[in-house]
Amino acid sequence: MLELAQVTNEASLEILAHAYQQLLRYMVFAYQESDGAKRSVFLIFNYRAGLWYPLLPAPGSGDAKHAERDIELERQLQATLADALPIVNSPDDWFQFRGTPF
């Protein structure tokens, strides 16, 4: 996941370098923990800030459409990715994406 996140970050930085960020606000990358897993992990890139943050729906919440999030696991993933990606520091600044159909 780290290698894919780094490659994705490089592509996102290239978009920023060409001033296309005004056309985009967020980019969402969805990962499943394993084949057949019902739970997804989302990495969100905020083009305006040039920063990443994780979004993990809480078990039983269904998907990212719901407000329940696994904040503890998001913070663990934040710490894991911090060496590879520029990460938003405060979870309070992470957009919720409620009602988003992904």
Protein backbone atom coordinates (compact mmCIF):
# COMPACT_ATOMS: atom_id res chain seq x y z
CA MET A 1 0.00 0.00 0.00
CA LEU A 2 2.85 2.42 0.78
CA GLU A 3 4.42 2.02 -2.64
CA LEU A 4 1.10 2.61 -4.38
CA ALA A 5 0.46 5.63 -2.14
CA GLN A 6 3.87 7.08 -3.05
CA VAL A 7 3.26 6.63 -6.78
CA THR A 8 -0.19 8.17 -6.41
CA ASN A 9 1.35 11.07 -4.50
CA GLU A 10 3.86 11.69 -7.29
CA ALA A 11 1.03 11.79 -9.85
CA SER A 12 -0.94 14.18 -7.64
CA LEU A 13 2.08 16.46 -7.23
CA GLU A 14 2.47 16.51 -11.01
CA ILE A 15 -1.13 17.72 -11.32
CA LEU A 16 -0.33 20.45 -8.79
CA ALA A 17 2.80 21.43 -10.71
CA HIS A 18 0.71 22.10 -13.82
CA ALA A 19 -1.83 24.25 -11.95
CA TYR A 20 -4.74 21.87 -12.51
CA GLN A 21 -5.63 21.87 -8.82
CA GLN A 22 -8.24 24.56 -9.48
CA LEU A 23 -10.18 21.91 -11.39
CA LEU A 24 -10.03 19.37 -8.57
CA ARG A 25 -10.74 19.50 -4.86
CA TYR A 26 -10.26 15.94 -3.63
CA MET A 27 -9.18 12.64 -5.08
CA VAL A 28 -10.30 9.45 -3.36
CA PHE A 29 -8.39 6.16 -3.59
CA ALA A 30 -10.14 3.06 -2.25
CA TYR A 31 -8.29 -0.02 -1.05
CA GLN A 32 -9.66 -3.27 0.29
CA GLU A 33 -7.77 -4.95 3.11
CA SER A 34 -7.76 -8.25 1.18
CA ASP A 35 -9.66 -10.10 -1.53
CA GLY A 36 -13.19 -10.64 -0.35
CA ALA A 37 -12.83 -8.19 2.54
CA LYS A 38 -15.94 -6.16 3.22
CA ARG A 39 -14.07 -3.26 4.76
CA SER A 40 -12.38 -0.59 2.66
CA VAL A 41 -9.68 1.93 3.42
CA PHE A 42 -9.82 5.26 1.63
CA LEU A 43 -6.90 7.63 1.08
CA ILE A 44 -8.02 11.16 0.33
CA PHE A 45 -5.81 13.73 -1.40
CA ASN A 46 -6.80 17.35 -0.82
CA TYR A 47 -5.49 19.19 -3.89
CA ARG A 48 -5.88 22.65 -2.40
CA ALA A 49 -3.79 21.76 0.66
CA GLY A 50 -1.51 19.28 -1.14
CA LEU A 51 -2.03 16.84 1.75
CA TRP A 52 -3.37 13.34 2.35
CA TYR A 53 -5.53 11.76 5.03
CA PRO A 54 -7.08 8.33 5.63
CA LEU A 55 -10.79 7.56 5.91
CA LEU A 56 -11.84 4.27 7.46
CA PRO A 57 -15.53 3.61 8.00
CA ALA A 58 -16.11 1.93 11.36
CA PRO A 59 -16.94 -1.79 11.31
CA GLY A 60 -20.67 -2.22 10.90
CA SER A 61 -21.21 1.28 9.53
CA GLY A 62 -21.54 -0.16 6.04
CA ASP A 63 -19.40 2.22 4.02
CA ALA A 64 -18.12 5.77 3.67
CA LYS A 65 -21.67 7.12 3.34
CA HIS A 66 -22.09 6.96 7.10
CA ALA A 67 -20.68 9.24 9.78
CA GLU A 68 -19.14 6.48 11.90
CA ARG A 69 -15.39 6.31 11.43
CA ASP A 70 -12.66 4.21 13.00
CA ILE A 71 -10.66 7.16 14.33
CA GLU A 72 -8.15 4.97 16.18
CA LEU A 73 -7.26 3.00 13.06
CA GLU A 74 -7.19 6.21 11.00
CA ARG A 75 -4.58 7.62 13.39
CA GLN A 76 -2.53 4.42 13.14
CA LEU A 77 -2.63 4.63 9.36
CA GLN A 78 -1.77 8.34 9.55
CA ALA A 79 1.36 7.47 11.56
CA THR A 80 2.28 4.67 9.13
CA LEU A 81 1.93 6.89 6.06
CA ALA A 82 3.54 10.01 7.57
CA ASP A 83 7.03 9.05 6.34
CA ALA A 84 5.81 8.40 2.80
CA LEU A 85 3.19 11.12 2.25
CA PRO A 86 2.45 14.66 3.36
CA ILE A 87 -0.39 14.03 5.83
CA VAL A 88 -2.94 16.41 7.32
CA ASN A 89 -1.98 16.59 11.00
CA SER A 90 -5.34 17.03 12.69
CA PRO A 91 -8.21 14.56 12.13
CA ASP A 92 -10.52 17.54 12.73
CA ASP A 93 -9.41 18.83 9.32
CA TRP A 94 -10.33 15.60 7.51
CA PHE A 95 -13.41 16.03 5.33
CA GLN A 96 -16.05 13.43 6.21
CA PHE A 97 -17.43 12.61 2.72
CA ARG A 98 -20.87 11.84 4.16
CA GLY A 99 -23.31 10.70 1.50
CA THR A 100 -20.60 10.07 -1.08
CA PRO A 101 -21.41 7.04 -3.28
CA PHE A 102 -18.11 5.15 -3.11
